[in-house]
């Protein structure tokens, strides 16, 4: 009865029409306050917050904002007044205030709303009389308008890249954030060039030599890709890789570089002194690595000093809405409030209750600070295919085996050339190169009795890349060596990844193809380059990995 507010609506309508209602004092179960609520709001501006002082009264009975907050938390549409009567809260106003309480906080009976939440403050205009404050709110609203029509920023002359239209838009968006001092999450699909957009931006804001460097934190498998792309697209930027046993144990040399590249593990290990070093920008690549706010990596990253922060990820939300909390809190500290608050007000309603209203509210909140484009959205700008080279550095044992085999075959081949001439020694050169290619995949591929284990930096990087960057996509993995496919097969079995498999000995070829094409959860197809390089039309796949490039590029092109 109370929840439906039927009596308040009836009483208001009757009173407006001059109808006298008798017997109110005889109501024993519910004592309604017959006064319509009077609600006023005055807004003032602090450094980081808008403070809204809300006054609510029912006749001579006033209500504190804390009591209203408790009612909203209980899901009630009424408050109990000090005289014991019940005051009904108008639903439209209640929904509006509940929204602000989700994104703000009640302190000293005032509602505080962070200025970061400028994307949802339009309704505050209705409550503001002060001209200076109106102007500030108008400027905040203009920021949102600027996001819709971000001004173009000239690309730096020293950029060795032609950005596509959507990449230029991402570059301009980064400048929008930079202009207003906001952090942001660039969440484009894998393969759309998040790294080159970030590098172009860092090059464009390059300042004086005395400016602090930028810090980029990435998974170990991607650090060398950052280095390679910086050398290719922004060669004028000086880059230092801070990783490995030989890395320096202080920041003295950092001043000589524009970008410091490091891994999440190294960052966490060295945080005691890294936290003392000021950085201009800190960028976390594959930021889902810090999605757990209880993790050592996240806590270490929060300690880093930076003028501003960015994250890059193709999967801002991997499994649950709460994945977004730590990433947004890193780039814009305090944006979502406490973990408990975000979980209760957004994560659980969106994930468990399937609340479209909360999901829409959350999208509106983060819209200026999270930019995501999918391949489907920008496919008209993409070429038929884009190629990326993933660089791997061998681990110590793998490098040791490689160097030993290289030295062995160098001496062996030089001896054969001296004995038989170079024309008669080509088969020995081919044999040596094949063994070195096998070791580059994994020493376990060598056809001898030595037990090298299954160490493979390529396999580790491939599995990590697939798990972290290709969510929701299907992909093909080609290798010349069946032994490498078997090694990858074991990795996927250990992780419970559903895959299809095809090499020259596969009898149920059609069944494997059909399973990959038709089963939604069969994301990976392991294929021998020779067995699957022709005669297959795997239209379900949109990513292709070539583990060991073939001698003849035409064979790869045919497979792809």
Protein backbone atom coordinates (compact mmCIF):
# COMPACT_ATOMS: atom_id res chain seq x y z
CA UNK A 1 0.00 0.00 0.00
CA UNK A 2 2.73 2.45 1.03
CA UNK A 3 5.01 1.32 -1.77
CA UNK A 4 2.41 2.21 -4.41
CA UNK A 5 1.87 5.72 -2.96
CA UNK A 6 -1.78 5.37 -3.88
CA UNK A 7 -3.04 7.39 -0.96
CA UNK A 8 -0.70 10.36 -1.50
CA UNK A 9 -1.69 10.58 -5.17
CA UNK A 10 -5.37 10.27 -4.29
CA UNK A 11 -5.12 12.85 -1.47
CA UNK A 12 -3.27 15.39 -3.65
CA UNK A 13 -5.77 15.06 -6.48
CA UNK A 14 -8.72 15.35 -4.09
CA UNK A 15 -7.29 18.39 -2.36
CA UNK A 16 -6.57 20.12 -5.70
CA UNK A 17 -10.23 19.59 -6.65
CA UNK A 18 -11.52 20.95 -3.34
CA UNK A 19 -12.69 17.61 -1.97
CA UNK A 20 -12.69 17.32 1.82
CA UNK A 21 -11.42 14.01 3.18
CA UNK A 22 -12.61 12.91 6.61
CA UNK A 23 -11.43 10.17 8.93
CA UNK A 24 -7.68 10.61 8.62
CA UNK A 25 -7.32 10.41 12.40
CA UNK A 26 -9.04 7.02 12.38
CA UNK A 27 -6.24 5.41 10.36
CA UNK A 28 -4.49 3.16 12.87
CA UNK A 29 -2.05 1.16 10.74
CA UNK A 30 -0.65 4.03 8.68
CA UNK A 31 -0.33 7.65 9.71
CA UNK A 32 0.19 9.62 6.52
CA UNK A 33 1.58 13.12 6.67
CA UNK A 34 -0.90 15.03 4.56
CA UNK A 35 1.61 17.67 3.45
CA UNK A 36 3.27 17.36 0.09
CA UNK A 37 7.04 17.41 0.49
CA UNK A 38 8.92 20.62 -0.07
CA UNK A 39 12.34 19.97 -1.58
CA UNK A 40 15.01 22.58 -2.20
CA UNK A 41 18.65 22.22 -3.23
CA UNK A 42 21.51 24.69 -3.14
CA UNK A 43 24.73 23.79 -4.95
CA UNK A 44 28.21 25.08 -4.19
CA UNK A 45 31.57 24.27 -5.78
CA UNK A 46 34.69 22.95 -4.09
CA UNK A 47 38.07 22.04 -5.61
CA UNK A 48 37.14 18.51 -6.65
CA UNK A 49 33.44 18.31 -5.72
CA UNK A 50 30.05 19.88 -6.21
CA UNK A 51 28.32 20.12 -2.81
CA UNK A 52 24.53 19.96 -2.88
CA UNK A 53 22.71 20.95 0.30
CA UNK A 54 19.27 19.33 0.17
CA UNK A 55 16.39 20.47 2.40
CA UNK A 56 13.29 18.26 2.63
CA UNK A 57 10.23 19.01 4.75
CA UNK A 58 6.63 17.87 5.19
CA UNK A 59 4.89 20.86 6.71
CA UNK A 60 6.79 21.55 9.94
CA UNK A 61 8.53 18.14 9.84
CA UNK A 62 12.03 18.13 8.31
CA UNK A 63 13.96 15.11 7.03
CA UNK A 64 17.72 14.61 7.04
CA UNK A 65 19.54 13.53 3.89
CA UNK A 66 20.92 10.54 5.81
CA UNK A 67 17.35 9.33 6.50
CA UNK A 68 16.54 9.63 2.80
CA UNK A 69 19.70 7.70 1.94
CA UNK A 70 18.69 4.90 4.30
CA UNK A 71 15.22 4.77 2.74
CA UNK A 72 16.74 4.53 -0.74
CA UNK A 73 19.08 1.81 0.44
CA UNK A 74 16.11 -0.17 1.81
CA UNK A 75 14.18 0.38 -1.39
CA UNK A 76 11.47 2.38 0.42
CA UNK A 77 9.57 5.30 -1.08
CA UNK A 78 8.76 6.88 2.25
CA UNK A 79 10.42 8.14 5.42
CA UNK A 80 9.21 8.05 9.01
CA UNK A 81 9.06 11.59 10.42
CA UNK A 82 9.88 12.64 13.98
CA UNK A 83 6.17 12.84 14.93
CA UNK A 84 5.69 9.22 13.85
CA UNK A 85 3.85 10.03 10.64
CA UNK A 86 4.89 8.74 7.22
CA UNK A 87 6.14 11.10 4.55
CA UNK A 88 5.84 9.90 0.97
CA UNK A 89 8.74 10.77 -1.36
CA UNK A 90 7.83 11.62 -4.98
CA UNK A 91 9.08 8.83 -7.23
CA UNK A 92 10.56 11.07 -9.93
CA UNK A 93 12.56 13.07 -7.40
CA UNK A 94 13.51 9.91 -5.48
CA UNK A 95 14.98 8.29 -8.62
CA UNK A 96 16.94 11.44 -9.39
CA UNK A 97 18.41 11.68 -5.88
CA UNK A 98 19.15 7.94 -5.79
CA UNK A 99 21.23 8.32 -8.95
CA UNK A 100 23.32 11.09 -7.41
CA UNK A 101 23.77 9.10 -4.22
CA UNK A 102 25.15 6.19 -6.27
CA UNK A 103 27.82 8.36 -7.87
CA UNK A 104 28.36 10.69 -4.91
CA UNK A 105 28.48 10.52 -1.14
CA UNK A 106 26.51 12.00 1.75
CA UNK A 107 28.77 13.90 4.12
CA UNK A 108 27.66 16.27 6.88
CA UNK A 109 24.13 15.97 5.47
CA UNK A 110 25.34 17.29 2.12
CA UNK A 111 25.51 15.41 -1.16
CA UNK A 112 28.98 15.53 -2.71
CA UNK A 113 29.36 14.75 -6.43
CA UNK A 114 32.84 14.46 -7.95
CA UNK A 115 33.59 16.83 -10.80
CA UNK A 116 34.87 13.78 -12.71
CA UNK A 117 31.23 12.80 -13.12
CA UNK A 118 30.49 15.76 -15.36
CA UNK A 119 28.76 13.46 -17.85
CA UNK A 120 25.75 13.11 -15.50
CA UNK A 121 25.48 16.54 -13.87
CA UNK A 122 23.05 18.17 -16.29
CA UNK A 123 20.17 17.90 -13.81
CA UNK A 124 22.04 20.05 -11.29
CA UNK A 125 21.44 23.06 -13.57
CA UNK A 126 17.84 23.10 -12.36
CA UNK A 127 18.96 23.74 -8.80
CA UNK A 128 21.61 26.48 -9.35
CA UNK A 129 21.02 30.21 -9.04
CA UNK A 130 24.61 31.42 -8.60
CA UNK A 131 25.93 32.78 -11.94
CA UNK A 132 29.56 31.77 -11.33
CA UNK A 133 28.50 28.24 -10.48
CA UNK A 134 26.20 28.10 -13.49
CA UNK A 135 29.15 29.06 -15.65
CA UNK A 136 31.31 26.31 -14.14
CA UNK A 137 28.59 23.73 -14.72
CA UNK A 138 28.20 25.01 -18.26
CA UNK A 139 31.93 24.52 -18.81
CA UNK A 140 31.66 20.96 -17.52
CA UNK A 141 28.76 20.36 -19.88
CA UNK A 142 30.84 21.80 -22.72
CA UNK A 143 33.53 19.20 -21.92
CA UNK A 144 31.01 16.49 -22.67
CA UNK A 145 30.02 18.30 -25.84
CA UNK A 146 33.72 18.51 -26.71
CA UNK A 147 33.91 14.76 -26.36
CA UNK A 148 31.14 14.37 -28.92
CA UNK A 149 32.93 16.74 -31.30
CA UNK A 150 36.56 16.59 -30.20
CA UNK A 151 38.75 19.20 -31.83
CA UNK A 152 41.40 17.97 -34.25
CA UNK A 153 45.01 17.95 -33.07
CA UNK A 154 47.82 18.10 -35.60
CA UNK A 155 49.92 14.95 -35.84
CA UNK A 156 53.61 15.36 -34.94
CA UNK A 157 55.95 15.80 -37.91
CA UNK A 158 58.33 13.09 -36.70
CA UNK A 159 55.61 10.41 -36.63
CA UNK A 160 56.56 7.69 -39.13
CA UNK A 161 53.01 6.39 -39.57
CA UNK A 162 49.83 7.19 -41.49
CA UNK A 163 47.00 6.88 -39.01
CA UNK A 164 43.64 5.60 -40.18
CA UNK A 165 40.60 7.76 -39.52
CA UNK A 166 39.57 5.92 -36.35
CA UNK A 167 43.18 6.01 -35.10
CA UNK A 168 43.29 9.77 -35.62
CA UNK A 169 40.03 10.00 -33.66
CA UNK A 170 41.67 8.01 -30.84
CA UNK A 171 44.70 10.31 -30.97
CA UNK A 172 42.41 13.36 -30.71
CA UNK A 173 40.53 11.73 -27.81
CA UNK A 174 43.83 11.27 -25.93
CA UNK A 175 44.47 14.98 -26.40
CA UNK A 176 40.97 15.75 -25.12
CA UNK A 177 41.78 13.88 -21.91
CA UNK A 178 45.20 15.53 -21.70
CA UNK A 179 43.71 19.01 -22.06
CA UNK A 180 41.40 18.55 -19.08
CA UNK A 181 43.75 16.40 -16.99
CA UNK A 182 41.64 13.24 -17.16
CA UNK A 183 42.86 9.66 -17.31
CA UNK A 184 41.38 7.23 -19.78
CA UNK A 185 41.05 3.65 -21.03
CA UNK A 186 41.72 3.00 -24.73
CA UNK A 187 39.88 -0.28 -25.27
CA UNK A 188 39.96 -0.93 -29.02
CA UNK A 189 39.84 -4.48 -30.33
CA UNK A 190 43.13 -6.29 -30.79
CA UNK A 191 44.81 -5.40 -34.06
CA UNK A 192 43.36 -1.88 -34.34
CA UNK A 193 46.60 -0.16 -33.34
CA UNK A 194 46.28 0.97 -29.73
CA UNK A 195 50.07 1.12 -29.40
CA UNK A 196 50.64 3.40 -32.38
CA UNK A 197 47.87 5.75 -31.16
CA UNK A 198 49.56 5.95 -27.75
CA UNK A 199 53.03 6.45 -29.26
CA UNK A 200 51.76 9.21 -31.56
CA UNK A 201 50.24 10.94 -28.53
CA UNK A 202 53.43 10.63 -26.43
CA UNK A 203 55.48 12.01 -29.32
CA UNK A 204 53.09 14.95 -29.73
CA UNK A 205 53.43 16.05 -26.08
CA UNK A 206 57.20 15.68 -26.05
CA UNK A 207 58.46 18.72 -24.17
CA UNK A 208 61.70 19.92 -22.68
CA UNK A 209 64.61 17.62 -21.94
CA UNK A 210 64.04 18.30 -18.24
CA UNK A 211 60.53 16.80 -18.37
CA UNK A 212 60.18 13.45 -16.59
CA UNK A 213 59.94 10.33 -18.78
CA UNK A 214 56.85 8.27 -19.47
CA UNK A 215 56.51 4.78 -17.99
CA UNK A 216 54.85 1.97 -19.96
CA UNK A 217 54.07 -1.24 -18.06
CA UNK A 218 53.24 -4.27 -20.21
CA UNK A 219 53.23 -8.05 -20.02
CA UNK A 220 56.70 -9.48 -20.54
CA UNK A 221 55.72 -10.87 -23.92
CA UNK A 222 54.76 -7.40 -25.23
CA UNK A 223 57.66 -5.26 -24.00
CA UNK A 224 59.75 -5.97 -27.09
CA UNK A 225 56.77 -5.23 -29.33
CA UNK A 226 56.55 -1.78 -27.76
CA UNK A 227 60.25 -1.29 -28.42
CA UNK A 228 59.90 -2.44 -32.05
CA UNK A 229 56.87 -0.22 -32.71
CA UNK A 230 58.57 2.78 -31.11
CA UNK A 231 61.61 2.24 -33.36
CA UNK A 232 59.31 1.96 -36.38
CA UNK A 233 56.77 4.73 -35.76
CA UNK A 234 58.47 7.16 -33.34
CA UNK A 235 62.23 6.66 -33.85
CA UNK A 236 63.02 10.07 -32.34
CA UNK A 237 61.78 8.89 -28.92
CA UNK A 238 64.50 7.35 -26.78
CA UNK A 239 63.34 4.08 -25.22
CA UNK A 240 64.82 2.11 -22.32
CA UNK A 241 63.78 -1.44 -21.40
CA UNK A 242 63.89 -1.74 -17.63
CA UNK A 243 63.77 -5.49 -17.15
CA UNK A 244 65.99 -8.47 -16.51
CA UNK A 245 68.83 -9.26 -14.12
CA UNK A 246 71.11 -6.60 -15.59
CA UNK A 247 68.65 -3.72 -15.15
CA UNK A 248 69.77 -0.76 -13.09
CA UNK A 249 68.56 -0.65 -9.52
CA UNK A 250 67.77 3.06 -9.43
CA UNK A 251 66.24 5.72 -11.65
CA UNK A 252 69.35 7.84 -12.24
CA UNK A 253 69.57 6.93 -15.91
CA UNK A 254 65.86 7.44 -16.61
CA UNK A 255 66.35 11.15 -17.34
CA UNK A 256 68.14 10.29 -20.58
CA UNK A 257 65.07 8.59 -22.07
CA UNK A 258 61.58 9.54 -23.20
CA UNK A 259 59.91 6.19 -22.48
CA UNK A 260 60.76 3.56 -19.88
CA UNK A 261 59.37 0.10 -20.72
CA UNK A 262 58.96 -2.46 -17.98
CA UNK A 263 56.92 -5.52 -17.07
CA UNK A 264 54.25 -5.90 -14.40
CA UNK A 265 56.50 -8.25 -12.45
CA UNK A 266 59.49 -5.89 -12.54
CA UNK A 267 57.31 -2.92 -11.63
CA UNK A 268 56.02 -4.76 -8.55
CA UNK A 269 59.53 -5.89 -7.55
CA UNK A 270 61.07 -2.41 -7.90
CA UNK A 271 58.14 -0.38 -6.60
CA UNK A 272 59.97 0.69 -3.42
CA UNK A 273 62.16 3.02 -5.47
CA UNK A 274 60.07 3.39 -8.65
CA UNK A 275 57.41 5.11 -6.54
CA UNK A 276 59.91 7.88 -5.77
CA UNK A 277 60.41 8.66 -9.48
CA UNK A 278 58.02 11.21 -11.02
CA UNK A 279 56.68 10.20 -14.44
CA UNK A 280 54.78 12.33 -16.89
CA UNK A 281 52.43 9.57 -18.05
CA UNK A 282 52.10 6.04 -16.72
CA UNK A 283 50.49 3.69 -19.23
CA UNK A 284 49.38 0.16 -18.36
CA UNK A 285 49.13 -2.07 -21.44
CA UNK A 286 46.80 -5.07 -21.20
CA UNK A 287 45.42 -3.44 -18.06
CA UNK A 288 43.21 -6.44 -17.27
CA UNK A 289 46.39 -7.56 -15.45
CA UNK A 290 45.38 -5.15 -12.66
CA UNK A 291 41.62 -5.81 -12.68
CA UNK A 292 41.87 -7.30 -9.16
CA UNK A 293 42.17 -4.36 -6.72
CA UNK A 294 43.56 -6.75 -4.08
CA UNK A 295 46.48 -7.83 -6.27
CA UNK A 296 50.08 -6.85 -5.62
CA UNK A 297 50.33 -5.49 -9.16
CA UNK A 298 47.39 -3.12 -8.75
CA UNK A 299 48.57 -1.88 -5.37
CA UNK A 300 52.06 -1.27 -6.77
CA UNK A 301 50.71 0.55 -9.83
CA UNK A 302 48.64 2.87 -7.62
CA UNK A 303 51.86 3.97 -5.86
CA UNK A 304 53.47 5.26 -9.06
CA UNK A 305 53.74 9.04 -9.34
CA UNK A 306 52.37 10.43 -12.60
CA UNK A 307 50.98 13.67 -13.97
CA UNK A 308 48.38 11.55 -15.72
CA UNK A 309 47.53 7.91 -16.43
CA UNK A 310 46.22 5.78 -19.28
CA UNK A 311 45.46 2.12 -19.78
CA UNK A 312 45.23 0.04 -22.96
CA UNK A 313 43.19 -3.13 -23.21
CA UNK A 314 41.12 -5.02 -25.74
CA UNK A 315 38.99 -6.50 -22.95
CA UNK A 316 38.14 -3.87 -20.30
CA UNK A 317 35.52 -6.29 -18.94
CA UNK A 318 36.66 -9.91 -19.27
CA UNK A 319 34.16 -11.73 -17.09
CA UNK A 320 32.34 -9.37 -14.73
CA UNK A 321 31.44 -5.69 -14.56
CA UNK A 322 33.64 -5.38 -11.45
CA UNK A 323 36.67 -5.89 -13.77
CA UNK A 324 36.25 -2.23 -14.69
CA UNK A 325 36.59 -0.94 -11.13
CA UNK A 326 40.37 -1.18 -10.63
CA UNK A 327 41.22 -0.04 -14.16
CA UNK A 328 39.08 3.10 -13.93
CA UNK A 329 40.21 3.73 -10.38
CA UNK A 330 43.83 3.64 -11.59
CA UNK A 331 43.35 6.26 -14.31
CA UNK A 332 40.91 8.44 -12.31
CA UNK A 333 41.39 7.69 -8.58
CA UNK A 334 38.16 7.72 -6.59
CA UNK A 335 35.97 7.68 -9.70
CA UNK A 336 33.76 4.80 -8.55
CA UNK A 337 34.07 5.32 -4.80
CA UNK A 338 34.68 2.27 -2.62
CA UNK A 339 34.80 -1.28 -3.92
CA UNK A 340 31.76 -2.16 -1.80
CA UNK A 341 29.79 0.75 -3.21
CA UNK A 342 30.60 -0.07 -6.84
CA UNK A 343 29.87 -3.74 -6.36
CA UNK A 344 26.48 -3.08 -4.74
CA UNK A 345 25.35 -0.21 -6.95
CA UNK A 346 26.62 -1.34 -10.36
CA UNK A 347 28.43 -4.71 -10.61
CA UNK A 348 25.76 -6.84 -8.96
CA UNK A 349 22.72 -5.07 -10.48
CA UNK A 350 24.24 -5.32 -13.98
CA UNK A 351 25.59 -8.87 -13.78
CA UNK A 352 23.11 -10.67 -11.52
CA UNK A 353 19.93 -8.63 -11.87
CA UNK A 354 20.48 -7.78 -15.54
CA UNK A 355 19.50 -4.17 -14.78
CA UNK A 356 19.41 -2.26 -18.07
CA UNK A 357 18.92 1.00 -16.17
CA UNK A 358 22.13 0.60 -14.13
CA UNK A 359 24.05 -0.61 -17.18
CA UNK A 360 22.97 2.51 -19.10
CA UNK A 361 23.86 4.73 -16.15
CA UNK A 362 27.29 3.11 -15.92
CA UNK A 363 27.89 3.58 -19.65
CA UNK A 364 26.98 7.26 -19.32
CA UNK A 365 29.37 7.66 -16.39
CA UNK A 366 32.40 6.19 -18.13
CA UNK A 367 31.64 7.37 -21.66
CA UNK A 368 34.10 10.30 -21.74
CA UNK A 369 36.90 8.20 -20.24
CA UNK A 370 36.63 4.88 -22.11
CA UNK A 371 37.00 4.65 -25.88
CA UNK A 372 36.30 1.33 -27.56
CA UNK A 373 36.01 0.52 -31.27
CA UNK A 374 35.49 -3.03 -32.54
CA UNK A 375 36.73 -4.43 -35.83
CA UNK A 376 33.14 -4.56 -37.04
CA UNK A 377 32.71 -0.84 -36.40
CA UNK A 378 35.78 0.22 -38.39
CA UNK A 379 36.01 -2.58 -40.95
CA UNK A 380 35.51 -0.14 -43.84
CA UNK A 381 38.82 1.52 -42.90
CA UNK A 382 40.78 -1.70 -42.55
CA UNK A 383 42.80 -3.32 -45.33
CA UNK A 384 42.08 -6.92 -46.34
CA UNK A 385 44.52 -7.98 -43.66
CA UNK A 386 46.87 -6.36 -41.18
CA UNK A 387 50.11 -7.97 -40.05
CA UNK A 388 51.78 -7.67 -36.67
CA UNK A 389 55.09 -9.24 -35.67
CA UNK A 390 55.19 -10.56 -32.10
CA UNK A 391 58.76 -10.46 -30.82
CA UNK A 392 59.96 -13.05 -28.32
CA UNK A 393 63.18 -13.22 -26.32
CA UNK A 394 64.45 -16.70 -25.48
CA UNK A 395 64.75 -17.81 -21.90
CA UNK A 396 68.19 -18.65 -20.53
CA UNK A 397 68.11 -22.44 -21.18
CA UNK A 398 66.59 -22.06 -24.63
CA UNK A 399 69.25 -19.49 -25.55
CA UNK A 400 71.99 -21.80 -24.29
CA UNK A 401 70.80 -24.67 -26.50
CA UNK A 402 70.42 -22.33 -29.49
CA UNK A 403 73.94 -20.87 -29.15
CA UNK A 404 75.48 -24.33 -28.78
CA UNK A 405 73.68 -25.63 -31.90
CA UNK A 406 74.54 -22.53 -33.91
CA UNK A 407 78.24 -22.83 -33.05
CA UNK A 408 78.20 -26.56 -33.80
CA UNK A 409 76.65 -26.14 -37.25
CA UNK A 410 78.71 -23.10 -38.13
CA UNK A 411 81.91 -25.09 -37.66
CA UNK A 412 80.37 -28.16 -39.34
CA UNK A 413 79.08 -26.28 -42.39
CA UNK A 414 82.30 -24.32 -42.86
CA UNK A 415 84.19 -27.62 -42.80
CA UNK A 416 81.86 -29.15 -45.39
CA UNK A 417 82.17 -26.12 -47.64
CA UNK A 418 85.93 -26.41 -47.47
CA UNK A 419 85.77 -30.14 -48.25
CA UNK A 420 82.98 -30.28 -50.85
CA UNK A 421 82.43 -26.75 -52.04
CA UNK A 422 79.42 -24.51 -51.40
CA UNK A 423 77.17 -26.03 -54.08
CA UNK A 424 77.49 -29.48 -52.53
CA UNK A 425 76.99 -28.17 -48.98
CA UNK A 426 73.56 -26.55 -49.30
CA UNK A 427 71.81 -29.51 -47.69
CA UNK A 428 73.97 -29.09 -44.57
CA UNK A 429 73.07 -25.39 -44.41
CA UNK A 430 69.37 -26.29 -44.69
CA UNK A 431 69.73 -28.95 -42.00
CA UNK A 432 71.37 -26.50 -39.62
CA UNK A 433 68.81 -23.76 -40.24
CA UNK A 434 65.96 -26.22 -39.68
CA UNK A 435 67.38 -27.25 -36.30
CA UNK A 436 67.81 -23.60 -35.28
CA UNK A 437 64.19 -22.89 -36.30
CA UNK A 438 63.06 -25.84 -34.21
CA UNK A 439 64.97 -24.53 -31.19
CA UNK A 440 63.38 -21.08 -31.69
CA UNK A 441 60.04 -22.84 -31.24
CA UNK A 442 61.27 -25.10 -28.43
CA UNK A 443 64.37 -27.28 -27.84
CA UNK A 444 61.86 -30.08 -27.22
CA UNK A 445 61.39 -30.26 -31.02
CA UNK A 446 64.95 -31.50 -31.59
CA UNK A 447 64.96 -35.16 -32.76
CA UNK A 448 67.55 -36.46 -30.28
CA UNK A 449 67.56 -38.25 -26.96
CA UNK A 450 68.33 -35.16 -24.89
CA UNK A 451 65.54 -34.15 -22.48
CA UNK A 452 65.12 -30.40 -22.89
CA UNK A 453 61.71 -30.20 -21.26
CA UNK A 454 58.90 -28.28 -22.96
CA UNK A 455 60.17 -24.73 -22.42
CA UNK A 456 58.98 -22.49 -25.25
CA UNK A 457 58.74 -18.72 -25.06
CA UNK A 458 56.78 -18.77 -28.35
CA UNK A 459 54.20 -21.16 -26.94
CA UNK A 460 53.91 -19.14 -23.72
CA UNK A 461 53.48 -15.89 -25.63
CA UNK A 462 50.98 -17.37 -28.08
CA UNK A 463 48.78 -18.82 -25.33
CA UNK A 464 48.92 -15.57 -23.34
CA UNK A 465 48.17 -13.52 -26.45
CA UNK A 466 45.20 -15.70 -27.33
CA UNK A 467 43.81 -15.67 -23.80
CA UNK A 468 44.17 -11.93 -23.28
CA UNK A 469 43.69 -10.27 -26.65
CA UNK A 470 41.29 -12.34 -28.75
CA UNK A 471 38.27 -12.83 -26.52
CA UNK A 472 35.17 -13.63 -28.56
CA UNK A 473 37.14 -14.24 -31.77
CA UNK A 474 38.12 -17.43 -33.59
CA UNK A 475 41.66 -17.99 -34.78
CA UNK A 476 43.95 -20.28 -36.74
CA UNK A 477 47.42 -21.33 -35.58
CA UNK A 478 49.79 -22.58 -38.30
CA UNK A 479 53.13 -24.31 -37.75
CA UNK A 480 55.47 -26.21 -40.06
CA UNK A 481 56.38 -28.58 -37.23
CA UNK A 482 53.83 -31.12 -36.01
CA UNK A 483 55.82 -31.40 -32.76
CA UNK A 484 55.14 -27.70 -32.11
CA UNK A 485 51.42 -28.21 -32.70
CA UNK A 486 51.51 -31.10 -30.20
CA UNK A 487 53.26 -28.88 -27.65
CA UNK A 488 50.61 -26.16 -28.14
CA UNK A 489 47.88 -28.80 -27.98
CA UNK A 490 49.10 -29.81 -24.52
CA UNK A 491 49.09 -26.17 -23.39
CA UNK A 492 45.46 -25.75 -24.48
CA UNK A 493 44.43 -29.04 -22.88
CA UNK A 494 45.98 -27.93 -19.58
CA UNK A 495 43.98 -24.68 -19.71
CA UNK A 496 40.73 -26.32 -20.79
CA UNK A 497 40.62 -24.47 -24.12
CA UNK A 498 38.39 -26.08 -26.75
CA UNK A 499 40.31 -26.47 -30.02
CA UNK A 500 40.33 -28.32 -33.34
CA UNK A 501 43.42 -30.04 -34.74
CA UNK A 502 44.64 -30.91 -38.24
CA UNK A 503 47.95 -32.30 -39.50
CA UNK A 504 48.90 -34.72 -42.27
CA UNK A 505 47.90 -37.76 -40.22
CA UNK A 506 44.41 -36.50 -39.31
CA UNK A 507 41.73 -38.87 -40.64
CA UNK A 508 38.59 -36.96 -39.58
CA UNK A 509 39.53 -33.77 -41.43
CA UNK A 510 35.94 -32.79 -42.28
CA UNK A 511 34.78 -33.33 -38.69
CA UNK A 512 37.51 -31.09 -37.30
CA UNK A 513 36.69 -28.35 -39.82
CA UNK A 514 32.96 -28.58 -39.07
CA UNK A 515 33.57 -28.46 -35.31
CA UNK A 516 35.65 -25.29 -35.61
CA UNK A 517 33.20 -23.65 -37.99
CA UNK A 518 30.03 -24.52 -36.10
CA UNK A 519 30.83 -24.79 -32.37
CA UNK A 520 30.87 -21.36 -30.76
CA UNK A 521 33.24 -22.35 -27.94
CA UNK A 522 35.78 -23.98 -30.31
CA UNK A 523 37.95 -20.88 -30.75
CA UNK A 524 41.34 -22.29 -31.83
CA UNK A 525 42.31 -24.42 -34.83
CA UNK A 526 45.83 -25.89 -34.73
CA UNK A 527 46.91 -26.63 -38.30
CA UNK A 528 50.02 -28.00 -39.99
CA UNK A 529 51.06 -25.44 -42.61
CA UNK A 530 51.42 -28.08 -45.32
CA UNK A 531 48.32 -30.09 -44.44
CA UNK A 532 46.03 -27.09 -44.06
CA UNK A 533 47.64 -24.57 -46.37
CA UNK A 534 45.32 -25.41 -49.25
CA UNK A 535 41.82 -26.74 -49.73
CA UNK A 536 40.35 -25.20 -46.55
CA UNK A 537 37.85 -22.35 -46.33
CA UNK A 538 37.64 -21.45 -42.65
CA UNK A 539 35.33 -18.46 -42.74
CA UNK A 540 34.70 -18.46 -38.99
CA UNK A 541 38.26 -17.29 -38.21
CA UNK A 542 39.33 -13.65 -38.14
CA UNK A 543 42.85 -14.01 -36.64
CA UNK A 544 45.73 -16.09 -38.00
CA UNK A 545 48.97 -16.89 -36.17
CA UNK A 546 51.98 -18.25 -38.08
CA UNK A 547 54.23 -19.69 -35.37
CA UNK A 548 57.30 -20.29 -37.56
CA UNK A 549 57.45 -18.36 -40.85
CA UNK A 550 57.91 -20.66 -43.87
CA UNK A 551 60.81 -20.45 -46.33
CA UNK A 552 58.41 -19.52 -49.09
CA UNK A 553 56.07 -16.63 -48.20
CA UNK A 554 53.67 -17.79 -50.90
CA UNK A 555 52.90 -20.87 -48.80
CA UNK A 556 51.90 -18.63 -45.88
CA UNK A 557 49.79 -16.39 -48.12
CA UNK A 558 47.98 -19.42 -49.50
CA UNK A 559 47.21 -20.63 -45.97
CA UNK A 560 46.02 -17.22 -44.80
